[in-house]
PDB file of N, CA and C in Angstrom:
ATOM      1  N   MET A   1      49.311-163.655  54.432  1.00  0.00           N
ATOM      2  CA  MET A   1      48.833-164.292  53.227  1.00  0.00           C
ATOM      3  C   MET A   1      48.969-165.817  53.316  1.00  0.00           C
ATOM      4  N   ALA A   2      50.015-166.291  53.980  1.00  0.00           N
ATOM      5  CA  ALA A   2      50.217-167.737  54.116  1.00  0.00           C
ATOM      6  C   ALA A   2      49.097-168.374  54.935  1.00  0.00           C
ATOM      7  N   ILE A   3      48.578-167.640  55.901  1.00  0.00           N
ATOM      8  CA  ILE A   3      47.480-168.172  56.721  1.00  0.00           C
ATOM      9  C   ILE A   3      46.263-168.424  55.834  1.00  0.00           C
ATOM     10  N   ILE A   4      45.925-167.456  55.004  1.00  0.00           N
ATOM     11  CA  ILE A   4      44.770-167.589  54.106  1.00  0.00           C
ATOM     12  C   ILE A   4      44.960-168.773  53.161  1.00  0.00           C
ATOM     13  N   ARG A   5      46.172-168.917  52.615  1.00  0.00           N
ATOM     14  CA  ARG A   5      46.432-170.033  51.693  1.00  0.00           C
ATOM     15  C   ARG A   5      46.229-171.383  52.375  1.00  0.00           C
ATOM     16  N   ARG A   6      46.681-171.491  53.612  1.00  0.00           N
ATOM     17  CA  ARG A   6      46.505-172.757  54.341  1.00  0.00           C
ATOM     18  C   ARG A   6      45.028-173.030  54.618  1.00  0.00           C
ATOM     19  N   LEU A   7      44.280-171.993  54.957  1.00  0.00           N
ATOM     20  CA  LEU A   7      42.849-172.159  55.213  1.00  0.00           C
ATOM     21  C   LEU A   7      42.106-172.527  53.928  1.00  0.00           C
ATOM     22  N   GLU A   8      42.477-171.895  52.811  1.00  0.00           N
ATOM     23  CA  GLU A   8      41.853-172.215  51.528  1.00  0.00           C
ATOM     24  C   GLU A   8      42.159-173.653  51.112  1.00  0.00           C
ATOM     25  N   ALA A   9      43.384-174.108  51.383  1.00  0.00           N
ATOM     26  CA  ALA A   9      43.755-175.490  51.059  1.00  0.00           C
ATOM     27  C   ALA A   9      42.878-176.472  51.829  1.00  0.00           C
ATOM     28  N   MET A  10      42.503-176.106  53.043  1.00  0.00           N
ATOM     29  CA  MET A  10      41.616-176.958  53.832  1.00  0.00           C
ATOM     30  C   MET A  10      40.249-177.060  53.155  1.00  0.00           C
ATOM     31  N   GLN A  11      39.753-175.942  52.622  1.00  0.00           N
ATOM     32  CA  GLN A  11      38.459-175.933  51.939  1.00  0.00           C
ATOM     33  C   GLN A  11      38.501-176.757  50.660  1.00  0.00           C
ATOM     34  N   GLU A  12      39.615-176.684  49.942  1.00  0.00           N
ATOM     35  CA  GLU A  12      39.726-177.321  48.631  1.00  0.00           C
ATOM     36  C   GLU A  12      40.053-178.806  48.705  1.00  0.00           C
ATOM     37  N   SER A  13      40.531-179.281  49.825  1.00  0.00           N
ATOM     38  CA  SER A  13      40.930-180.678  49.959  1.00  0.00           C
ATOM     39  C   SER A  13      39.720-181.603  49.864  1.00  0.00           C
ATOM     40  N   THR A  14      39.939-182.737  49.216  1.00  0.00           N
ATOM     41  CA  THR A  14      38.872-183.733  49.091  1.00  0.00           C
ATOM     42  C   THR A  14      39.241-185.029  49.810  1.00  0.00           C
ATOM     43  N   ASP A  15      40.282-184.992  50.633  1.00  0.00           N
ATOM     44  CA  ASP A  15      40.767-186.186  51.328  1.00  0.00           C
ATOM     45  C   ASP A  15      39.770-186.733  52.344  1.00  0.00           C
ATOM     46  N   SER A  16      39.173-185.870  53.130  1.00  0.00           N
ATOM     47  CA  SER A  16      38.217-186.314  54.149  1.00  0.00           C
ATOM     48  C   SER A  16      37.271-185.167  54.464  1.00  0.00           C
ATOM     49  N   GLU A  17      36.269-185.452  55.267  1.00  0.00           N
ATOM     50  CA  GLU A  17      35.294-184.421  55.614  1.00  0.00           C
ATOM     51  C   GLU A  17      35.893-183.336  56.493  1.00  0.00           C
ATOM     52  N   VAL A  18      36.780-183.723  57.414  1.00  0.00           N
ATOM     53  CA  VAL A  18      37.365-182.756  58.344  1.00  0.00           C
ATOM     54  C   VAL A  18      38.867-182.659  58.100  1.00  0.00           C
ATOM     55  N   GLN A  19      39.330-181.455  57.819  1.00  0.00           N
ATOM     56  CA  GLN A  19      40.748-181.171  57.624  1.00  0.00           C
ATOM     57  C   GLN A  19      41.270-180.499  58.887  1.00  0.00           C
ATOM     58  N   VAL A  20      42.508-180.823  59.288  1.00  0.00           N
ATOM     59  CA  VAL A  20      43.085-180.255  60.507  1.00  0.00           C
ATOM     60  C   VAL A  20      44.461-179.686  60.194  1.00  0.00           C
ATOM     61  N   ARG A  21      44.746-178.501  60.728  1.00  0.00           N
ATOM     62  CA  ARG A  21      46.056-177.870  60.589  1.00  0.00           C
ATOM     63  C   ARG A  21      46.485-177.323  61.944  1.00  0.00           C
ATOM     64  N   ARG A  22      47.785-177.365  62.167  1.00  0.00           N
ATOM     65  CA  ARG A  22      48.378-176.786  63.380  1.00  0.00           C
ATOM     66  C   ARG A  22      49.116-175.512  62.987  1.00  0.00           C
ATOM     67  N   PHE A  23      48.973-174.490  63.786  1.00  0.00           N
ATOM     68  CA  PHE A  23      49.678-173.237  63.558  1.00  0.00           C
ATOM     69  C   PHE A  23      50.640-173.025  64.719  1.00  0.00           C
ATOM     70  N   GLU A  24      51.913-172.809  64.379  1.00  0.00           N
ATOM     71  CA  GLU A  24      52.970-172.691  65.382  1.00  0.00           C
ATOM     72  C   GLU A  24      53.709-171.372  65.236  1.00  0.00           C
ATOM     73  N   LYS A  25      54.345-170.972  66.343  1.00  0.00           N
ATOM     74  CA  LYS A  25      55.251-169.829  66.337  1.00  0.00           C
ATOM     75  C   LYS A  25      56.522-170.270  67.040  1.00  0.00           C
ATOM     76  N   GLU A  26      57.633-170.182  66.330  1.00  0.00           N
ATOM     77  CA  GLU A  26      58.945-170.555  66.863  1.00  0.00           C
ATOM     78  C   GLU A  26      58.927-171.961  67.459  1.00  0.00           C
ATOM     79  N   GLY A  27      58.243-172.881  66.776  1.00  0.00           N
ATOM     80  CA  GLY A  27      58.214-174.275  67.202  1.00  0.00           C
ATOM     81  C   GLY A  27      57.205-174.608  68.283  1.00  0.00           C
ATOM     82  N   HIS A  28      56.463-173.621  68.751  1.00  0.00           N
ATOM     83  CA  HIS A  28      55.459-173.849  69.793  1.00  0.00           C
ATOM     84  C   HIS A  28      54.065-173.757  69.181  1.00  0.00           C
ATOM     85  N   GLU A  29      53.293-174.807  69.358  1.00  0.00           N
ATOM     86  CA  GLU A  29      51.942-174.831  68.821  1.00  0.00           C
ATOM     87  C   GLU A  29      51.086-173.770  69.506  1.00  0.00           C
ATOM     88  N   ARG A  30      50.422-172.939  68.703  1.00  0.00           N
ATOM     89  CA  ARG A  30      49.573-171.872  69.244  1.00  0.00           C
ATOM     90  C   ARG A  30      48.091-172.201  69.117  1.00  0.00           C
ATOM     91  N   CYS A  31      47.726-172.837  67.981  1.00  0.00           N
ATOM     92  CA  CYS A  31      46.326-173.205  67.819  1.00  0.00           C
ATOM     93  C   CYS A  31      46.185-174.381  66.863  1.00  0.00           C
ATOM     94  N   LEU A  32      45.053-175.029  66.988  1.00  0.00           N
ATOM     95  CA  LEU A  32      44.695-176.165  66.157  1.00  0.00           C
ATOM     96  C   LEU A  32      43.405-175.783  65.440  1.00  0.00           C
ATOM     97  N   VAL A  33      43.419-175.879  64.114  1.00  0.00           N
ATOM     98  CA  VAL A  33      42.259-175.472  63.324  1.00  0.00           C
ATOM     99  C   VAL A  33      41.729-176.669  62.552  1.00  0.00           C
ATOM    100  N   SER A  34      40.428-176.865  62.612  1.00  0.00           N
ATOM    101  CA  SER A  34      39.797-177.909  61.810  1.00  0.00           C
ATOM    102  C   SER A  34      38.735-177.267  60.922  1.00  0.00           C
ATOM    103  N   TYR A  35      38.548-177.869  59.746  1.00  0.00           N
ATOM    104  CA  TYR A  35      37.537-177.389  58.806  1.00  0.00           C
ATOM    105  C   TYR A  35      36.602-178.537  58.478  1.00  0.00           C
ATOM    106  N   ASP A  36      35.324-178.331  58.731  1.00  0.00           N
ATOM    107  CA  ASP A  36      34.297-179.328  58.437  1.00  0.00           C
ATOM    108  C   ASP A  36      33.671-178.969  57.096  1.00  0.00           C
ATOM    109  N   SER A  37      33.964-179.760  56.068  1.00  0.00           N
ATOM    110  CA  SER A  37      33.486-179.433  54.724  1.00  0.00           C
ATOM    111  C   SER A  37      31.968-179.564  54.596  1.00  0.00           C
ATOM    112  N   LYS A  38      31.360-180.455  55.348  1.00  0.00           N
ATOM    113  CA  LYS A  38      29.896-180.594  55.284  1.00  0.00           C
ATOM    114  C   LYS A  38      29.201-179.351  55.829  1.00  0.00           C
ATOM    115  N   ALA A  39      29.681-178.866  56.966  1.00  0.00           N
ATOM    116  CA  ALA A  39      29.073-177.689  57.599  1.00  0.00           C
ATOM    117  C   ALA A  39      29.614-176.387  57.019  1.00  0.00           C
ATOM    118  N   GLY A  40      30.807-176.446  56.412  1.00  0.00           N
ATOM    119  CA  GLY A  40      31.423-175.235  55.868  1.00  0.00           C
ATOM    120  C   GLY A  40      31.931-174.309  56.958  1.00  0.00           C
ATOM    121  N   THR A  41      32.322-174.888  58.097  1.00  0.00           N
ATOM    122  CA  THR A  41      32.777-174.067  59.222  1.00  0.00           C
ATOM    123  C   THR A  41      34.164-174.478  59.698  1.00  0.00           C
ATOM    124  N   TYR A  42      34.845-173.501  60.283  1.00  0.00           N
ATOM    125  CA  TYR A  42      36.149-173.718  60.901  1.00  0.00           C
ATOM    126  C   TYR A  42      35.967-173.751  62.407  1.00  0.00           C
ATOM    127  N   GLU A  43      36.818-174.522  63.076  1.00  0.00           N
ATOM    128  CA  GLU A  43      36.871-174.520  64.531  1.00  0.00           C
ATOM    129  C   GLU A  43      38.322-174.321  64.926  1.00  0.00           C
ATOM    130  N   MET A  44      38.569-173.362  65.808  1.00  0.00           N
ATOM    131  CA  MET A  44      39.924-173.063  66.251  1.00  0.00           C
ATOM    132  C   MET A  44      40.023-173.299  67.751  1.00  0.00           C
ATOM    133  N   GLU A  45      41.028-174.088  68.143  1.00  0.00           N
ATOM    134  CA  GLU A  45      41.301-174.293  69.564  1.00  0.00           C
ATOM    135  C   GLU A  45      42.590-173.577  69.912  1.00  0.00           C
ATOM    136  N   ASP A  46      42.513-172.652  70.845  1.00  0.00           N
ATOM    137  CA  ASP A  46      43.692-171.968  71.376  1.00  0.00           C
ATOM    138  C   ASP A  46      44.336-172.934  72.358  1.00  0.00           C
ATOM    139  N   VAL A  47      45.524-173.456  72.017  1.00  0.00           N
ATOM    140  CA  VAL A  47      46.134-174.472  72.877  1.00  0.00           C
ATOM    141  C   VAL A  47      46.634-173.885  74.192  1.00  0.00           C
ATOM    142  N   GLY A  48      46.764-172.576  74.280  1.00  0.00           N
ATOM    143  CA  GLY A  48      47.207-171.946  75.518  1.00  0.00           C
ATOM    144  C   GLY A  48      46.188-172.056  76.628  1.00  0.00           C
ATOM    145  N   ASP A  49      44.933-171.800  76.311  1.00  0.00           N
ATOM    146  CA  ASP A  49      43.890-171.866  77.342  1.00  0.00           C
ATOM    147  C   ASP A  49      42.763-172.842  76.982  1.00  0.00           C
ATOM    148  N   HIS A  50      42.936-173.569  75.899  1.00  0.00           N
ATOM    149  CA  HIS A  50      41.992-174.594  75.437  1.00  0.00           C
ATOM    150  C   HIS A  50      40.610-174.034  75.110  1.00  0.00           C
ATOM    151  N   SER A  51      40.543-172.744  74.790  1.00  0.00           N
ATOM    152  CA  SER A  51      39.288-172.156  74.327  1.00  0.00           C
ATOM    153  C   SER A  51      39.023-172.619  72.901  1.00  0.00           C
ATOM    154  N   VAL A  52      37.758-172.828  72.571  1.00  0.00           N
ATOM    155  CA  VAL A  52      37.374-173.269  71.234  1.00  0.00           C
ATOM    156  C   VAL A  52      36.414-172.241  70.642  1.00  0.00           C
ATOM    157  N   TYR A  53      36.696-171.850  69.391  1.00  0.00           N
ATOM    158  CA  TYR A  53      35.890-170.855  68.691  1.00  0.00           C
ATOM    159  C   TYR A  53      35.483-171.410  67.336  1.00  0.00           C
ATOM    160  N   GLN A  54      34.283-171.066  66.886  1.00  0.00           N
ATOM    161  CA  GLN A  54      33.815-171.501  65.569  1.00  0.00           C
ATOM    162  C   GLN A  54      33.639-170.293  64.666  1.00  0.00           C
ATOM    163  N   PHE A  55      33.971-170.490  63.386  1.00  0.00           N
ATOM    164  CA  PHE A  55      33.898-169.424  62.395  1.00  0.00           C
ATOM    165  C   PHE A  55      33.294-169.967  61.109  1.00  0.00           C
ATOM    166  N   ASP A  56      32.507-169.134  60.439  1.00  0.00           N
ATOM    167  CA  ASP A  56      32.026-169.499  59.110  1.00  0.00           C
ATOM    168  C   ASP A  56      32.587-168.553  58.050  1.00  0.00           C
ATOM    169  N   ASP A  57      33.505-167.684  58.459  1.00  0.00           N
ATOM    170  CA  ASP A  57      34.125-166.712  57.561  1.00  0.00           C
ATOM    171  C   ASP A  57      35.641-166.881  57.608  1.00  0.00           C
ATOM    172  N   ILE A  58      36.253-167.119  56.456  1.00  0.00           N
ATOM    173  CA  ILE A  58      37.689-167.372  56.386  1.00  0.00           C
ATOM    174  C   ILE A  58      38.504-166.162  56.853  1.00  0.00           C
ATOM    175  N   ASP A  59      38.011-164.961  56.580  1.00  0.00           N
ATOM    176  CA  ASP A  59      38.745-163.756  56.974  1.00  0.00           C
ATOM    177  C   ASP A  59      38.787-163.597  58.495  1.00  0.00           C
ATOM    178  N   LEU A  60      37.685-163.893  59.154  1.00  0.00           N
ATOM    179  CA  LEU A  60      37.642-163.743  60.612  1.00  0.00           C
ATOM    180  C   LEU A  60      38.573-164.725  61.311  1.00  0.00           C
ATOM    181  N   ILE A  61      38.594-165.975  60.857  1.00  0.00           N
ATOM    182  CA  ILE A  61      39.494-166.939  61.495  1.00  0.00           C
ATOM    183  C   ILE A  61      40.945-166.600  61.182  1.00  0.00           C
ATOM    184  N   ALA A  62      41.212-166.084  59.984  1.00  0.00           N
ATOM    185  CA  ALA A  62      42.583-165.689  59.634  1.00  0.00           C
ATOM    186  C   ALA A  62      43.074-164.581  60.563  1.00  0.00           C
ATOM    187  N   ILE A  63      42.212-163.631  60.880  1.00  0.00           N
ATOM    188  CA  ILE A  63      42.572-162.541  61.795  1.00  0.00           C
ATOM    189  C   ILE A  63      42.878-163.104  63.185  1.00  0.00           C
ATOM    190  N   GLU A  64      42.038-164.014  63.671  1.00  0.00           N
ATOM    191  CA  GLU A  64      42.263-164.613  64.992  1.00  0.00           C
ATOM    192  C   GLU A  64      43.582-165.379  65.042  1.00  0.00           C
ATOM    193  N   ILE A  65      43.875-166.147  63.994  1.00  0.00           N
ATOM    194  CA  ILE A  65      45.132-166.900  63.948  1.00  0.00           C
ATOM    195  C   ILE A  65      46.308-165.936  63.929  1.00  0.00           C
ATOM    196  N   TYR A  66      46.219-164.894  63.114  1.00  0.00           N
ATOM    197  CA  TYR A  66      47.288-163.895  63.022  1.00  0.00           C
ATOM    198  C   TYR A  66      47.561-163.277  64.391  1.00  0.00           C
ATOM    199  N   GLU A  67      46.497-162.892  65.094  1.00  0.00           N
ATOM    200  CA  GLU A  67      46.661-162.273  66.415  1.00  0.00           C
ATOM    201  C   GLU A  67      47.294-163.244  67.412  1.00  0.00           C
ATOM    202  N   LEU A  68      46.918-164.512  67.358  1.00  0.00           N
ATOM    203  CA  LEU A  68      47.525-165.508  68.249  1.00  0.00           C
ATOM    204  C   LEU A  68      49.015-165.665  67.962  1.00  0.00           C
ATOM    205  N   LEU A  69      49.381-165.631  66.695  1.00  0.00           N
ATOM    206  CA  LEU A  69      50.781-165.807  66.318  1.00  0.00           C
ATOM    207  C   LEU A  69      51.625-164.576  66.638  1.00  0.00           C
ATOM    208  N   GLN A  70      50.991-163.433  66.850  1.00  0.00           N
ATOM    209  CA  GLN A  70      51.719-162.203  67.172  1.00  0.00           C
ATOM    210  C   GLN A  70      52.031-162.078  68.657  1.00  0.00           C
ATOM    211  N   ASP A  71      51.307-162.792  69.501  1.00  0.00           N
ATOM    212  CA  ASP A  71      51.532-162.713  70.960  1.00  0.00           C
ATOM    213  C   ASP A  71      52.900-163.228  71.333  1.00  0.00           C
TER     214      ASP A  71
END
């Protein structure tokens, strides 16, 4: 549930066009997520292998983040 809240906060923020959040497990960064408010899309970078994925659905990116944090 905390993952969804953080992603929703990115959507609701009016500070800038692109919001960025880091997701960590036990102090180790697992992924970097950015939200582009103009495009309405999320981009997730897996810091382990530097793969980049784009999502337009909050539920799908939340699942990916959850799975990364479980490894």
